[in-house]
Amino acid sequence: MTEELRAAAQAGDRFANIILLLYKLGGWGVLSLALLVALRYVWDERASTNQALISELRDGKAATLAIVSQNSEAMQKTAEAQQQVARAVEQLTAEVRRR
């Protein structure tokens, strides 16, 4: 066991205390098993976090597509309204020219 790890354990580092205890109980076999379990836990945690992030990104993508669709509809209605205004202006202009 390294002196740095012992010093960390004496300083109150919880993780170092656990490693030191496992090392004293069974040496490298128990230590490697414990590290393997810890790695598995971290890996599972990371995988679930990644799945949650992917889910949030998909939800965000769907929301963005809905907003783009709404904006497209609004722009189409605006274009139709502008065409109606243009026709009304043309009719007014034609009527003014007749008089």
N, C-alpha and C. Protein backbone atom coordinates (compact mmCIF):
# COMPACT_ATOMS: atom_id res chain seq x y z
N MET A 1 0.86 -1.17 0.00
CA MET A 1 0.00 0.00 0.00
C MET A 1 0.90 1.23 0.00
N THR A 2 0.54 2.21 -0.80
CA THR A 2 1.39 3.39 -0.92
C THR A 2 1.24 4.31 0.29
N GLU A 3 2.27 5.08 0.50
CA GLU A 3 2.25 6.04 1.62
C GLU A 3 1.22 7.14 1.37
N GLU A 4 1.03 7.51 0.09
CA GLU A 4 0.04 8.56 -0.24
C GLU A 4 -1.36 8.13 0.17
N LEU A 5 -1.67 6.85 -0.10
CA LEU A 5 -2.99 6.34 0.25
C LEU A 5 -3.18 6.28 1.76
N ARG A 6 -2.14 5.87 2.46
CA ARG A 6 -2.22 5.84 3.92
C ARG A 6 -2.39 7.25 4.48
N ALA A 7 -1.65 8.19 3.90
CA ALA A 7 -1.76 9.58 4.36
C ALA A 7 -3.16 10.12 4.10
N ALA A 8 -3.73 9.78 2.93
CA ALA A 8 -5.08 10.23 2.61
C ALA A 8 -6.09 9.61 3.56
N ALA A 9 -5.87 8.34 3.91
CA ALA A 9 -6.78 7.67 4.83
C ALA A 9 -6.69 8.30 6.22
N GLN A 10 -5.51 8.63 6.64
CA GLN A 10 -5.33 9.26 7.94
C GLN A 10 -5.90 10.67 7.96
N ALA A 11 -5.91 11.32 6.80
CA ALA A 11 -6.44 12.68 6.72
C ALA A 11 -7.97 12.69 6.72
N GLY A 12 -8.57 11.51 6.60
CA GLY A 12 -10.02 11.44 6.68
C GLY A 12 -10.70 11.23 5.35
N ASP A 13 -9.95 10.91 4.30
CA ASP A 13 -10.54 10.66 2.99
C ASP A 13 -11.31 9.34 3.07
N ARG A 14 -12.59 9.41 2.88
CA ARG A 14 -13.48 8.26 3.05
C ARG A 14 -13.16 7.14 2.05
N PHE A 15 -12.96 7.53 0.79
CA PHE A 15 -12.66 6.56 -0.26
C PHE A 15 -11.33 5.86 0.03
N ALA A 16 -10.35 6.64 0.47
CA ALA A 16 -9.05 6.06 0.81
C ALA A 16 -9.17 5.11 1.99
N ASN A 17 -10.01 5.44 2.96
CA ASN A 17 -10.25 4.54 4.10
C ASN A 17 -10.84 3.22 3.65
N ILE A 18 -11.78 3.27 2.73
CA ILE A 18 -12.41 2.05 2.22
C ILE A 18 -11.39 1.20 1.49
N ILE A 19 -10.59 1.83 0.64
CA ILE A 19 -9.57 1.09 -0.10
C ILE A 19 -8.56 0.47 0.87
N LEU A 20 -8.15 1.23 1.85
CA LEU A 20 -7.19 0.73 2.84
C LEU A 20 -7.77 -0.45 3.61
N LEU A 21 -9.02 -0.38 4.00
CA LEU A 21 -9.68 -1.47 4.73
C LEU A 21 -9.76 -2.72 3.86
N LEU A 22 -10.18 -2.54 2.58
CA LEU A 22 -10.27 -3.69 1.68
C LEU A 22 -8.90 -4.31 1.46
N TYR A 23 -7.91 -3.48 1.34
CA TYR A 23 -6.55 -3.99 1.14
C TYR A 23 -6.09 -4.80 2.35
N LYS A 24 -6.39 -4.29 3.53
CA LYS A 24 -6.00 -5.02 4.74
C LYS A 24 -6.76 -6.33 4.88
N LEU A 25 -8.04 -6.34 4.45
CA LEU A 25 -8.85 -7.55 4.59
C LEU A 25 -8.44 -8.65 3.63
N GLY A 26 -8.17 -8.31 2.41
CA GLY A 26 -7.91 -9.40 1.48
C GLY A 26 -6.89 -9.10 0.42
N GLY A 27 -6.26 -8.02 0.51
CA GLY A 27 -5.22 -7.72 -0.46
C GLY A 27 -5.78 -7.32 -1.81
N TRP A 28 -5.00 -7.60 -2.81
CA TRP A 28 -5.32 -7.13 -4.15
C TRP A 28 -6.55 -7.79 -4.74
N GLY A 29 -6.83 -9.03 -4.37
CA GLY A 29 -8.01 -9.72 -4.92
C GLY A 29 -9.29 -9.02 -4.54
N VAL A 30 -9.44 -8.71 -3.25
CA VAL A 30 -10.64 -8.02 -2.78
C VAL A 30 -10.67 -6.60 -3.33
N LEU A 31 -9.50 -5.98 -3.36
CA LEU A 31 -9.42 -4.61 -3.87
C LEU A 31 -9.84 -4.55 -5.34
N SER A 32 -9.34 -5.49 -6.14
CA SER A 32 -9.71 -5.48 -7.56
C SER A 32 -11.19 -5.80 -7.74
N LEU A 33 -11.72 -6.69 -6.92
CA LEU A 33 -13.16 -7.01 -6.99
C LEU A 33 -14.00 -5.78 -6.62
N ALA A 34 -13.58 -5.09 -5.57
CA ALA A 34 -14.31 -3.89 -5.15
C ALA A 34 -14.24 -2.81 -6.23
N LEU A 35 -13.07 -2.65 -6.82
CA LEU A 35 -12.94 -1.66 -7.89
C LEU A 35 -13.77 -2.05 -9.11
N LEU A 36 -13.86 -3.35 -9.38
CA LEU A 36 -14.68 -3.82 -10.50
C LEU A 36 -16.16 -3.50 -10.24
N VAL A 37 -16.61 -3.73 -9.02
CA VAL A 37 -18.00 -3.40 -8.66
C VAL A 37 -18.23 -1.90 -8.76
N ALA A 38 -17.26 -1.12 -8.28
CA ALA A 38 -17.40 0.35 -8.38
C ALA A 38 -17.44 0.79 -9.83
N LEU A 39 -16.58 0.19 -10.65
CA LEU A 39 -16.58 0.53 -12.08
C LEU A 39 -17.91 0.18 -12.72
N ARG A 40 -18.45 -0.96 -12.36
CA ARG A 40 -19.75 -1.39 -12.90
C ARG A 40 -20.84 -0.38 -12.52
N TYR A 41 -20.81 0.05 -11.25
CA TYR A 41 -21.79 1.03 -10.79
C TYR A 41 -21.66 2.34 -11.56
N VAL A 42 -20.43 2.80 -11.72
CA VAL A 42 -20.19 4.05 -12.45
C VAL A 42 -20.63 3.89 -13.90
N TRP A 43 -20.34 2.73 -14.49
CA TRP A 43 -20.72 2.49 -15.88
C TRP A 43 -22.24 2.49 -16.03
N ASP A 44 -22.94 1.80 -15.11
CA ASP A 44 -24.41 1.77 -15.15
C ASP A 44 -24.98 3.17 -14.96
N GLU A 45 -24.39 3.92 -14.05
CA GLU A 45 -24.86 5.29 -13.80
C GLU A 45 -24.66 6.16 -15.03
N ARG A 46 -23.53 6.00 -15.67
CA ARG A 46 -23.24 6.78 -16.88
C ARG A 46 -24.19 6.39 -18.01
N ALA A 47 -24.45 5.09 -18.15
CA ALA A 47 -25.36 4.63 -19.20
C ALA A 47 -26.77 5.18 -18.98
N SER A 48 -27.24 5.15 -17.74
CA SER A 48 -28.59 5.67 -17.47
C SER A 48 -28.63 7.18 -17.67
N THR A 49 -27.55 7.87 -17.31
CA THR A 49 -27.49 9.31 -17.54
C THR A 49 -27.51 9.61 -19.03
N ASN A 50 -26.75 8.83 -19.81
CA ASN A 50 -26.75 9.02 -21.26
C ASN A 50 -28.13 8.77 -21.85
N GLN A 51 -28.81 7.75 -21.36
CA GLN A 51 -30.16 7.47 -21.87
C GLN A 51 -31.11 8.62 -21.55
N ALA A 52 -30.97 9.18 -20.36
CA ALA A 52 -31.82 10.31 -19.99
C ALA A 52 -31.52 11.51 -20.87
N LEU A 53 -30.25 11.76 -21.15
CA LEU A 53 -29.88 12.89 -22.01
C LEU A 53 -30.40 12.69 -23.43
N ILE A 54 -30.28 11.47 -23.94
CA ILE A 54 -30.78 11.17 -25.28
C ILE A 54 -32.29 11.39 -25.33
N SER A 55 -32.98 10.96 -24.29
CA SER A 55 -34.44 11.16 -24.23
C SER A 55 -34.79 12.65 -24.22
N GLU A 56 -34.04 13.43 -23.43
CA GLU A 56 -34.28 14.87 -23.40
C GLU A 56 -34.00 15.51 -24.75
N LEU A 57 -32.94 15.06 -25.42
CA LEU A 57 -32.63 15.60 -26.74
C LEU A 57 -33.73 15.28 -27.75
N ARG A 58 -34.26 14.06 -27.67
CA ARG A 58 -35.35 13.68 -28.58
C ARG A 58 -36.59 14.53 -28.32
N ASP A 59 -36.89 14.73 -27.02
CA ASP A 59 -38.04 15.57 -26.67
C ASP A 59 -37.82 17.00 -27.19
N GLY A 60 -36.61 17.50 -27.04
CA GLY A 60 -36.28 18.84 -27.52
C GLY A 60 -36.40 18.94 -29.03
N LYS A 61 -35.98 17.88 -29.72
CA LYS A 61 -36.08 17.85 -31.17
C LYS A 61 -37.54 17.88 -31.61
N ALA A 62 -38.37 17.08 -30.93
CA ALA A 62 -39.80 17.06 -31.26
C ALA A 62 -40.44 18.42 -31.01
N ALA A 63 -40.06 19.05 -29.89
CA ALA A 63 -40.61 20.37 -29.58
C ALA A 63 -40.15 21.40 -30.62
N THR A 64 -38.89 21.31 -31.04
CA THR A 64 -38.37 22.23 -32.05
C THR A 64 -39.11 22.05 -33.37
N LEU A 65 -39.35 20.79 -33.75
CA LEU A 65 -40.09 20.54 -34.99
C LEU A 65 -41.52 21.09 -34.91
N ALA A 66 -42.14 20.97 -33.75
CA ALA A 66 -43.49 21.51 -33.58
C ALA A 66 -43.48 23.03 -33.72
N ILE A 67 -42.48 23.68 -33.14
CA ILE A 67 -42.38 25.15 -33.24
C ILE A 67 -42.12 25.57 -34.68
N VAL A 68 -41.25 24.83 -35.37
CA VAL A 68 -40.96 25.15 -36.78
C VAL A 68 -42.24 25.00 -37.61
N SER A 69 -43.01 23.97 -37.32
CA SER A 69 -44.27 23.75 -38.04
C SER A 69 -45.25 24.90 -37.78
N GLN A 70 -45.35 25.32 -36.52
CA GLN A 70 -46.23 26.44 -36.18
C GLN A 70 -45.77 27.72 -36.87
N ASN A 71 -44.46 27.95 -36.89
CA ASN A 71 -43.94 29.14 -37.56
C ASN A 71 -44.22 29.11 -39.05
N SER A 72 -44.11 27.92 -39.64
CA SER A 72 -44.39 27.77 -41.07
C SER A 72 -45.85 28.11 -41.36
N GLU A 73 -46.76 27.60 -40.52
CA GLU A 73 -48.18 27.90 -40.70
C GLU A 73 -48.46 29.39 -40.54
N ALA A 74 -47.82 30.00 -39.56
CA ALA A 74 -48.02 31.43 -39.32
C ALA A 74 -47.50 32.24 -40.51
N MET A 75 -46.36 31.84 -41.05
CA MET A 75 -45.81 32.56 -42.22
C MET A 75 -46.71 32.40 -43.44
N GLN A 76 -47.30 31.21 -43.59
CA GLN A 76 -48.21 30.98 -44.71
C GLN A 76 -49.45 31.86 -44.57
N LYS A 77 -50.00 31.97 -43.35
CA LYS A 77 -51.16 32.82 -43.12
C LYS A 77 -50.82 34.29 -43.34
N THR A 78 -49.61 34.68 -42.94
CA THR A 78 -49.16 36.06 -43.16
C THR A 78 -49.06 36.35 -44.65
N ALA A 79 -48.53 35.39 -45.41
CA ALA A 79 -48.41 35.57 -46.86
C ALA A 79 -49.79 35.70 -47.49
N GLU A 80 -50.74 34.87 -47.03
CA GLU A 80 -52.10 34.97 -47.56
C GLU A 80 -52.72 36.32 -47.24
N ALA A 81 -52.51 36.80 -46.03
CA ALA A 81 -53.03 38.11 -45.64
C ALA A 81 -52.39 39.22 -46.48
N GLN A 82 -51.11 39.11 -46.73
CA GLN A 82 -50.43 40.12 -47.56
C GLN A 82 -50.97 40.11 -48.99
N GLN A 83 -51.29 38.93 -49.50
CA GLN A 83 -51.88 38.84 -50.84
C GLN A 83 -53.26 39.50 -50.87
N GLN A 84 -54.04 39.28 -49.81
CA GLN A 84 -55.36 39.92 -49.74
C GLN A 84 -55.22 41.44 -49.68
N VAL A 85 -54.25 41.91 -48.91
CA VAL A 85 -54.02 43.36 -48.83
C VAL A 85 -53.58 43.89 -50.19
N ALA A 86 -52.72 43.16 -50.88
CA ALA A 86 -52.25 43.59 -52.20
C ALA A 86 -53.42 43.66 -53.19
N ARG A 87 -54.31 42.67 -53.15
CA ARG A 87 -55.48 42.70 -54.04
C ARG A 87 -56.39 43.89 -53.72
N ALA A 88 -56.56 44.13 -52.40
CA ALA A 88 -57.40 45.26 -52.00
C ALA A 88 -56.79 46.58 -52.46
N VAL A 89 -55.48 46.72 -52.35
CA VAL A 89 -54.80 47.94 -52.81
C VAL A 89 -54.94 48.08 -54.32
N GLU A 90 -54.81 46.99 -55.05
CA GLU A 90 -54.97 47.03 -56.51
C GLU A 90 -56.40 47.47 -56.88
N GLN A 91 -57.38 46.92 -56.17
CA GLN A 91 -58.77 47.31 -56.45
C GLN A 91 -58.99 48.79 -56.14
N LEU A 92 -58.44 49.24 -55.01
CA LEU A 92 -58.58 50.65 -54.67
C LEU A 92 -57.90 51.55 -55.70
N THR A 93 -56.72 51.14 -56.14
CA THR A 93 -55.99 51.91 -57.13
C THR A 93 -56.77 51.97 -58.43
N ALA A 94 -57.34 50.85 -58.83
CA ALA A 94 -58.13 50.81 -60.07
C ALA A 94 -59.36 51.69 -59.95
N GLU A 95 -60.00 51.67 -58.79
CA GLU A 95 -61.19 52.49 -58.57
C GLU A 95 -60.84 53.97 -58.57
N VAL A 96 -59.72 54.33 -57.96
CA VAL A 96 -59.29 55.73 -57.92
C VAL A 96 -58.97 56.21 -59.33
N ARG A 97 -58.37 55.38 -60.13
CA ARG A 97 -58.03 55.76 -61.51
C ARG A 97 -59.28 55.93 -62.36
N ARG A 98 -60.31 55.17 -62.07
CA ARG A 98 -61.56 55.31 -62.83
C ARG A 98 -62.23 56.63 -62.55
N ARG A 99 -62.07 57.19 -61.39
CA ARG A 99 -62.77 58.42 -61.03
C ARG A 99 -61.98 59.58 -61.45
